[in-house]
Amino acid sequence: MAIVEVKVPQLSESVAEATMLQWKKKAGEAVAADEILIEIETDKVVLEVPAPAAGVLTEILQGDGATVVADQLIARIDTEA
């Protein structure tokens, strides 16, 4: 089992945190590489978070509406599932 971590992308220097909007996939669903998993909103911009690899979204660690910071782990993908 190869697990790939999904993390919050780098935010701009003046932005400390962001809000998770809505997951496009649920745990247990297959995802393609570069498929958009969730949008994250800061006070300045909405960022799309793509899947870093194809596989199955095994775990969502931060739900819709959660406040997150840059590089925070938000999900895991099993690339061998």
PDB file of N, CA and C in Angstrom:
ATOM      1  N   MET A   1       0.854  -1.181   0.000  1.00  0.00           N
ATOM      2  CA  MET A   1       0.000   0.000   0.000  1.00  0.00           C
ATOM      3  C   MET A   1       0.895   1.237   0.000  1.00  0.00           C
ATOM      4  N   ALA A   2       0.718   2.087  -1.004  1.00  0.00           N
ATOM      5  CA  ALA A   2       1.496   3.324  -1.085  1.00  0.00           C
ATOM      6  C   ALA A   2       0.569   4.504  -0.815  1.00  0.00           C
ATOM      7  N   ILE A   3       0.841   5.220   0.246  1.00  0.00           N
ATOM      8  CA  ILE A   3       0.005   6.348   0.641  1.00  0.00           C
ATOM      9  C   ILE A   3       0.672   7.655   0.218  1.00  0.00           C
ATOM     10  N   VAL A   4      -0.112   8.501  -0.447  1.00  0.00           N
ATOM     11  CA  VAL A   4       0.349   9.827  -0.842  1.00  0.00           C
ATOM     12  C   VAL A   4      -0.439  10.834  -0.013  1.00  0.00           C
ATOM     13  N   GLU A   5       0.266  11.787   0.576  1.00  0.00           N
ATOM     14  CA  GLU A   5      -0.392  12.797   1.397  1.00  0.00           C
ATOM     15  C   GLU A   5      -0.858  13.958   0.544  1.00  0.00           C
ATOM     16  N   VAL A   6      -2.047  14.474   0.865  1.00  0.00           N
ATOM     17  CA  VAL A   6      -2.582  15.671   0.215  1.00  0.00           C
ATOM     18  C   VAL A   6      -2.471  16.800   1.236  1.00  0.00           C
ATOM     19  N   LYS A   7      -1.773  17.859   0.851  1.00  0.00           N
ATOM     20  CA  LYS A   7      -1.550  18.969   1.778  1.00  0.00           C
ATOM     21  C   LYS A   7      -2.092  20.273   1.213  1.00  0.00           C
ATOM     22  N   VAL A   8      -2.329  21.213   2.114  1.00  0.00           N
ATOM     23  CA  VAL A   8      -2.750  22.557   1.721  1.00  0.00           C
ATOM     24  C   VAL A   8      -1.595  23.195   0.949  1.00  0.00           C
ATOM     25  N   PRO A   9      -1.886  23.816  -0.202  1.00  0.00           N
ATOM     26  CA  PRO A   9      -0.804  24.478  -0.947  1.00  0.00           C
ATOM     27  C   PRO A   9      -0.259  25.687  -0.199  1.00  0.00           C
ATOM     28  N   GLN A  10       0.890  26.191  -0.655  1.00  0.00           N
ATOM     29  CA  GLN A  10       1.487  27.389  -0.081  1.00  0.00           C
ATOM     30  C   GLN A  10       0.501  28.542  -0.235  1.00  0.00           C
ATOM     31  N   LEU A  11       0.307  29.292   0.823  1.00  0.00           N
ATOM     32  CA  LEU A  11      -0.553  30.465   0.791  1.00  0.00           C
ATOM     33  C   LEU A  11       0.337  31.688   0.606  1.00  0.00           C
ATOM     34  N   SER A  12      -0.245  32.804   0.201  1.00  0.00           N
ATOM     35  CA  SER A  12       0.577  34.009   0.029  1.00  0.00           C
ATOM     36  C   SER A  12       1.135  34.448   1.380  1.00  0.00           C
ATOM     37  N   GLU A  13       2.190  35.235   1.344  1.00  0.00           N
ATOM     38  CA  GLU A  13       2.893  35.619   2.574  1.00  0.00           C
ATOM     39  C   GLU A  13       2.004  36.319   3.592  1.00  0.00           C
ATOM     40  N   SER A  14       1.052  37.113   3.124  1.00  0.00           N
ATOM     41  CA  SER A  14       0.221  37.884   4.044  1.00  0.00           C
ATOM     42  C   SER A  14      -0.985  37.091   4.566  1.00  0.00           C
ATOM     43  N   VAL A  15      -1.132  35.831   4.110  1.00  0.00           N
ATOM     44  CA  VAL A  15      -2.285  35.021   4.509  1.00  0.00           C
ATOM     45  C   VAL A  15      -1.823  33.908   5.447  1.00  0.00           C
ATOM     46  N   ALA A  16      -2.396  33.879   6.647  1.00  0.00           N
ATOM     47  CA  ALA A  16      -1.988  32.887   7.635  1.00  0.00           C
ATOM     48  C   ALA A  16      -2.800  31.603   7.544  1.00  0.00           C
ATOM     49  N   GLU A  17      -4.085  31.714   7.178  1.00  0.00           N
ATOM     50  CA  GLU A  17      -4.940  30.539   7.171  1.00  0.00           C
ATOM     51  C   GLU A  17      -5.967  30.618   6.049  1.00  0.00           C
ATOM     52  N   ALA A  18      -6.617  29.487   5.812  1.00  0.00           N
ATOM     53  CA  ALA A  18      -7.624  29.395   4.761  1.00  0.00           C
ATOM     54  C   ALA A  18      -8.768  28.513   5.260  1.00  0.00           C
ATOM     55  N   THR A  19      -9.885  28.554   4.535  1.00  0.00           N
ATOM     56  CA  THR A  19     -11.054  27.757   4.891  1.00  0.00           C
ATOM     57  C   THR A  19     -11.327  26.721   3.811  1.00  0.00           C
ATOM     58  N   MET A  20     -11.529  25.490   4.234  1.00  0.00           N
ATOM     59  CA  MET A  20     -11.881  24.410   3.317  1.00  0.00           C
ATOM     60  C   MET A  20     -13.321  24.651   2.861  1.00  0.00           C
ATOM     61  N   LEU A  21     -13.561  24.626   1.555  1.00  0.00           N
ATOM     62  CA  LEU A  21     -14.916  24.828   1.063  1.00  0.00           C
ATOM     63  C   LEU A  21     -15.651  23.494   1.018  1.00  0.00           C
ATOM     64  N   GLN A  22     -15.721  22.821  -0.122  1.00  0.00           N
ATOM     65  CA  GLN A  22     -16.467  21.557  -0.188  1.00  0.00           C
ATOM     66  C   GLN A  22     -15.660  20.503  -0.928  1.00  0.00           C
ATOM     67  N   TRP A  23     -15.533  19.337  -0.305  1.00  0.00           N
ATOM     68  CA  TRP A  23     -14.843  18.218  -0.945  1.00  0.00           C
ATOM     69  C   TRP A  23     -15.626  17.788  -2.172  1.00  0.00           C
ATOM     70  N   LYS A  24     -14.931  17.533  -3.273  1.00  0.00           N
ATOM     71  CA  LYS A  24     -15.553  17.075  -4.521  1.00  0.00           C
ATOM     72  C   LYS A  24     -15.661  15.544  -4.532  1.00  0.00           C
ATOM     73  N   LYS A  25     -14.903  14.880  -3.677  1.00  0.00           N
ATOM     74  CA  LYS A  25     -14.894  13.421  -3.565  1.00  0.00           C
ATOM     75  C   LYS A  25     -15.108  13.030  -2.111  1.00  0.00           C
ATOM     76  N   LYS A  26     -15.564  11.777  -1.926  1.00  0.00           N
ATOM     77  CA  LYS A  26     -15.727  11.234  -0.578  1.00  0.00           C
ATOM     78  C   LYS A  26     -14.659  10.168  -0.344  1.00  0.00           C
ATOM     79  N   ALA A  27     -14.376   9.894   0.914  1.00  0.00           N
ATOM     80  CA  ALA A  27     -13.439   8.823   1.246  1.00  0.00           C
ATOM     81  C   ALA A  27     -13.938   7.526   0.627  1.00  0.00           C
ATOM     82  N   GLY A  28     -13.013   6.784   0.017  1.00  0.00           N
ATOM     83  CA  GLY A  28     -13.354   5.530  -0.626  1.00  0.00           C
ATOM     84  C   GLY A  28     -13.549   5.651  -2.127  1.00  0.00           C
ATOM     85  N   GLU A  29     -13.618   6.889  -2.636  1.00  0.00           N
ATOM     86  CA  GLU A  29     -13.811   7.093  -4.071  1.00  0.00           C
ATOM     87  C   GLU A  29     -12.474   7.163  -4.799  1.00  0.00           C
ATOM     88  N   ALA A  30     -12.480   6.704  -6.049  1.00  0.00           N
ATOM     89  CA  ALA A  30     -11.285   6.769  -6.892  1.00  0.00           C
ATOM     90  C   ALA A  30     -11.067   8.207  -7.351  1.00  0.00           C
ATOM     91  N   VAL A  31      -9.793   8.588  -7.458  1.00  0.00           N
ATOM     92  CA  VAL A  31      -9.435   9.912  -7.968  1.00  0.00           C
ATOM     93  C   VAL A  31      -8.355   9.760  -9.034  1.00  0.00           C
ATOM     94  N   ALA A  32      -8.361  10.682  -9.983  1.00  0.00           N
ATOM     95  CA  ALA A  32      -7.335  10.701 -11.022  1.00  0.00           C
ATOM     96  C   ALA A  32      -6.271  11.718 -10.638  1.00  0.00           C
ATOM     97  N   ALA A  33      -5.066  11.526 -11.117  1.00  0.00           N
ATOM     98  CA  ALA A  33      -4.001  12.502 -10.869  1.00  0.00           C
ATOM     99  C   ALA A  33      -4.446  13.850 -11.411  1.00  0.00           C
ATOM    100  N   ASP A  34      -4.206  14.894 -10.654  1.00  0.00           N
ATOM    101  CA  ASP A  34      -4.538  16.279 -10.996  1.00  0.00           C
ATOM    102  C   ASP A  34      -6.035  16.593 -10.968  1.00  0.00           C
ATOM    103  N   GLU A  35      -6.864  15.644 -10.569  1.00  0.00           N
ATOM    104  CA  GLU A  35      -8.297  15.928 -10.414  1.00  0.00           C
ATOM    105  C   GLU A  35      -8.481  16.837  -9.199  1.00  0.00           C
ATOM    106  N   ILE A  36      -9.347  17.839  -9.309  1.00  0.00           N
ATOM    107  CA  ILE A  36      -9.557  18.774  -8.197  1.00  0.00           C
ATOM    108  C   ILE A  36     -10.312  18.059  -7.078  1.00  0.00           C
ATOM    109  N   LEU A  37      -9.716  18.064  -5.878  1.00  0.00           N
ATOM    110  CA  LEU A  37     -10.319  17.401  -4.726  1.00  0.00           C
ATOM    111  C   LEU A  37     -11.164  18.353  -3.898  1.00  0.00           C
ATOM    112  N   ILE A  38     -10.673  19.582  -3.721  1.00  0.00           N
ATOM    113  CA  ILE A  38     -11.357  20.557  -2.874  1.00  0.00           C
ATOM    114  C   ILE A  38     -10.865  21.949  -3.236  1.00  0.00           C
ATOM    115  N   GLU A  39     -11.686  22.939  -2.950  1.00  0.00           N
ATOM    116  CA  GLU A  39     -11.276  24.335  -3.084  1.00  0.00           C
ATOM    117  C   GLU A  39     -11.073  24.896  -1.688  1.00  0.00           C
ATOM    118  N   ILE A  40     -10.032  25.712  -1.567  1.00  0.00           N
ATOM    119  CA  ILE A  40      -9.693  26.331  -0.286  1.00  0.00           C
ATOM    120  C   ILE A  40      -9.744  27.839  -0.486  1.00  0.00           C
ATOM    121  N   GLU A  41     -10.454  28.533   0.406  1.00  0.00           N
ATOM    122  CA  GLU A  41     -10.656  29.970   0.252  1.00  0.00           C
ATOM    123  C   GLU A  41      -9.859  30.752   1.287  1.00  0.00           C
ATOM    124  N   THR A  42      -9.132  31.763   0.821  1.00  0.00           N
ATOM    125  CA  THR A  42      -8.484  32.717   1.720  1.00  0.00           C
ATOM    126  C   THR A  42      -9.245  34.031   1.590  1.00  0.00           C
ATOM    127  N   ASP A  43      -8.810  35.048   2.302  1.00  0.00           N
ATOM    128  CA  ASP A  43      -9.494  36.344   2.180  1.00  0.00           C
ATOM    129  C   ASP A  43      -9.206  37.004   0.831  1.00  0.00           C
ATOM    130  N   LYS A  44      -8.278  36.455   0.065  1.00  0.00           N
ATOM    131  CA  LYS A  44      -7.894  37.056  -1.207  1.00  0.00           C
ATOM    132  C   LYS A  44      -8.224  36.206  -2.428  1.00  0.00           C
ATOM    133  N   VAL A  45      -8.236  34.891  -2.298  1.00  0.00           N
ATOM    134  CA  VAL A  45      -8.342  34.029  -3.471  1.00  0.00           C
ATOM    135  C   VAL A  45      -8.916  32.661  -3.094  1.00  0.00           C
ATOM    136  N   VAL A  46      -9.451  31.960  -4.107  1.00  0.00           N
ATOM    137  CA  VAL A  46      -9.883  30.570  -3.933  1.00  0.00           C
ATOM    138  C   VAL A  46      -8.875  29.693  -4.671  1.00  0.00           C
ATOM    139  N   LEU A  47      -8.284  28.746  -3.955  1.00  0.00           N
ATOM    140  CA  LEU A  47      -7.284  27.842  -4.530  1.00  0.00           C
ATOM    141  C   LEU A  47      -7.895  26.467  -4.746  1.00  0.00           C
ATOM    142  N   GLU A  48      -7.568  25.841  -5.868  1.00  0.00           N
ATOM    143  CA  GLU A  48      -7.991  24.465  -6.114  1.00  0.00           C
ATOM    144  C   GLU A  48      -6.868  23.530  -5.682  1.00  0.00           C
ATOM    145  N   VAL A  49      -7.229  22.471  -4.987  1.00  0.00           N
ATOM    146  CA  VAL A  49      -6.235  21.490  -4.550  1.00  0.00           C
ATOM    147  C   VAL A  49      -6.414  20.226  -5.389  1.00  0.00           C
ATOM    148  N   PRO A  50      -5.449  19.949  -6.297  1.00  0.00           N
ATOM    149  CA  PRO A  50      -5.556  18.752  -7.127  1.00  0.00           C
ATOM    150  C   PRO A  50      -4.982  17.521  -6.418  1.00  0.00           C
ATOM    151  N   ALA A  51      -5.428  16.361  -6.876  1.00  0.00           N
ATOM    152  CA  ALA A  51      -4.864  15.104  -6.366  1.00  0.00           C
ATOM    153  C   ALA A  51      -3.428  14.982  -6.854  1.00  0.00           C
ATOM    154  N   PRO A  52      -2.471  14.727  -5.960  1.00  0.00           N
ATOM    155  CA  PRO A  52      -1.074  14.597  -6.370  1.00  0.00           C
ATOM    156  C   PRO A  52      -0.793  13.285  -7.116  1.00  0.00           C
ATOM    157  N   ALA A  53      -1.722  12.322  -7.022  1.00  0.00           N
ATOM    158  CA  ALA A  53      -1.545  11.026  -7.682  1.00  0.00           C
ATOM    159  C   ALA A  53      -2.908  10.367  -7.859  1.00  0.00           C
ATOM    160  N   ALA A  54      -2.979   9.402  -8.774  1.00  0.00           N
ATOM    161  CA  ALA A  54      -4.206   8.631  -8.955  1.00  0.00           C
ATOM    162  C   ALA A  54      -4.288   7.548  -7.886  1.00  0.00           C
ATOM    163  N   GLY A  55      -5.508   7.188  -7.511  1.00  0.00           N
ATOM    164  CA  GLY A  55      -5.707   6.144  -6.519  1.00  0.00           C
ATOM    165  C   GLY A  55      -7.070   6.261  -5.881  1.00  0.00           C
ATOM    166  N   VAL A  56      -7.158   5.859  -4.626  1.00  0.00           N
ATOM    167  CA  VAL A  56      -8.409   5.940  -3.874  1.00  0.00           C
ATOM    168  C   VAL A  56      -8.203   6.892  -2.704  1.00  0.00           C
ATOM    169  N   LEU A  57      -9.127   7.831  -2.556  1.00  0.00           N
ATOM    170  CA  LEU A  57      -9.094   8.762  -1.431  1.00  0.00           C
ATOM    171  C   LEU A  57      -9.472   7.970  -0.184  1.00  0.00           C
ATOM    172  N   THR A  58      -8.482   7.614   0.607  1.00  0.00           N
ATOM    173  CA  THR A  58      -8.734   6.725   1.744  1.00  0.00           C
ATOM    174  C   THR A  58      -9.147   7.452   3.010  1.00  0.00           C
ATOM    175  N   GLU A  59      -8.707   8.691   3.161  1.00  0.00           N
ATOM    176  CA  GLU A  59      -8.963   9.394   4.422  1.00  0.00           C
ATOM    177  C   GLU A  59      -9.029  10.892   4.182  1.00  0.00           C
ATOM    178  N   ILE A  60     -10.066  11.526   4.729  1.00  0.00           N
ATOM    179  CA  ILE A  60     -10.189  12.985   4.725  1.00  0.00           C
ATOM    180  C   ILE A  60      -9.977  13.433   6.162  1.00  0.00           C
ATOM    181  N   LEU A  61      -8.947  14.233   6.394  1.00  0.00           N
ATOM    182  CA  LEU A  61      -8.578  14.625   7.763  1.00  0.00           C
ATOM    183  C   LEU A  61      -9.172  15.961   8.184  1.00  0.00           C
ATOM    184  N   GLN A  62      -9.540  16.804   7.214  1.00  0.00           N
ATOM    185  CA  GLN A  62     -10.137  18.109   7.512  1.00  0.00           C
ATOM    186  C   GLN A  62     -11.415  18.235   6.694  1.00  0.00           C
ATOM    187  N   GLY A  63     -12.531  18.436   7.355  1.00  0.00           N
ATOM    188  CA  GLY A  63     -13.816  18.478   6.674  1.00  0.00           C
ATOM    189  C   GLY A  63     -14.158  19.849   6.119  1.00  0.00           C
ATOM    190  N   ASP A  64     -15.291  19.909   5.429  1.00  0.00           N
ATOM    191  CA  ASP A  64     -15.794  21.163   4.879  1.00  0.00           C
ATOM    192  C   ASP A  64     -15.902  22.209   5.992  1.00  0.00           C
ATOM    193  N   GLY A  65     -15.447  23.423   5.707  1.00  0.00           N
ATOM    194  CA  GLY A  65     -15.549  24.514   6.665  1.00  0.00           C
ATOM    195  C   GLY A  65     -14.399  24.607   7.648  1.00  0.00           C
ATOM    196  N   ALA A  66     -13.497  23.634   7.638  1.00  0.00           N
ATOM    197  CA  ALA A  66     -12.371  23.646   8.577  1.00  0.00           C
ATOM    198  C   ALA A  66     -11.388  24.765   8.217  1.00  0.00           C
ATOM    199  N   THR A  67     -10.725  25.303   9.217  1.00  0.00           N
ATOM    200  CA  THR A  67      -9.677  26.299   9.010  1.00  0.00           C
ATOM    201  C   THR A  67      -8.339  25.568   8.979  1.00  0.00           C
ATOM    202  N   VAL A  68      -7.548  25.845   7.941  1.00  0.00           N
ATOM    203  CA  VAL A  68      -6.275  25.149   7.752  1.00  0.00           C
ATOM    204  C   VAL A  68      -5.161  26.153   7.481  1.00  0.00           C
ATOM    205  N   VAL A  69      -3.913  25.681   7.586  1.00  0.00           N
ATOM    206  CA  VAL A  69      -2.738  26.509   7.300  1.00  0.00           C
ATOM    207  C   VAL A  69      -1.921  25.846   6.190  1.00  0.00           C
ATOM    208  N   ALA A  70      -1.010  26.572   5.604  1.00  0.00           N
ATOM    209  CA  ALA A  70      -0.166  26.060   4.519  1.00  0.00           C
ATOM    210  C   ALA A  70       0.557  24.789   4.949  1.00  0.00           C
ATOM    211  N   ASP A  71       0.657  23.836   4.038  1.00  0.00           N
ATOM    212  CA  ASP A  71       1.348  22.549   4.242  1.00  0.00           C
ATOM    213  C   ASP A  71       0.671  21.622   5.248  1.00  0.00           C
ATOM    214  N   GLN A  72      -0.530  21.965   5.703  1.00  0.00           N
ATOM    215  CA  GLN A  72      -1.241  21.076   6.630  1.00  0.00           C
ATOM    216  C   GLN A  72      -1.764  19.862   5.873  1.00  0.00           C
ATOM    217  N   LEU A  73      -1.633  18.691   6.470  1.00  0.00           N
ATOM    218  CA  LEU A  73      -2.127  17.448   5.887  1.00  0.00           C
ATOM    219  C   LEU A  73      -3.656  17.440   5.953  1.00  0.00           C
ATOM    220  N   ILE A  74      -4.315  17.252   4.776  1.00  0.00           N
ATOM    221  CA  ILE A  74      -5.780  17.277   4.758  1.00  0.00           C
ATOM    222  C   ILE A  74      -6.407  15.963   4.297  1.00  0.00           C
ATOM    223  N   ALA A  75      -5.622  15.114   3.619  1.00  0.00           N
ATOM    224  CA  ALA A  75      -6.175  13.840   3.146  1.00  0.00           C
ATOM    225  C   ALA A  75      -5.043  12.894   2.762  1.00  0.00           C
ATOM    226  N   ARG A  76      -5.432  11.620   2.515  1.00  0.00           N
ATOM    227  CA  ARG A  76      -4.467  10.618   2.057  1.00  0.00           C
ATOM    228  C   ARG A  76      -5.076   9.856   0.889  1.00  0.00           C
ATOM    229  N   ILE A  77      -4.214   9.515  -0.077  1.00  0.00           N
ATOM    230  CA  ILE A  77      -4.623   8.731  -1.245  1.00  0.00           C
ATOM    231  C   ILE A  77      -3.774   7.462  -1.280  1.00  0.00           C
ATOM    232  N   ASP A  78      -4.444   6.312  -1.470  1.00  0.00           N
ATOM    233  CA  ASP A  78      -3.744   5.039  -1.637  1.00  0.00           C
ATOM    234  C   ASP A  78      -3.582   4.811  -3.141  1.00  0.00           C
ATOM    235  N   THR A  79      -2.350   4.845  -3.619  1.00  0.00           N
ATOM    236  CA  THR A  79      -2.101   4.732  -5.055  1.00  0.00           C
ATOM    237  C   THR A  79      -2.156   3.300  -5.558  1.00  0.00           C
ATOM    238  N   GLU A  80      -2.241   2.332  -4.659  1.00  0.00           N
ATOM    239  CA  GLU A  80      -2.275   0.933  -5.068  1.00  0.00           C
ATOM    240  C   GLU A  80      -3.638   0.282  -4.856  1.00  0.00           C
ATOM    241  N   ALA A  81      -4.619   1.063  -4.419  1.00  0.00           N
ATOM    242  CA  ALA A  81      -5.962   0.505  -4.145  1.00  0.00           C
ATOM    243  C   ALA A  81      -6.711   0.255  -5.438  1.00  0.00           C
TER     244      ALA A  81
END
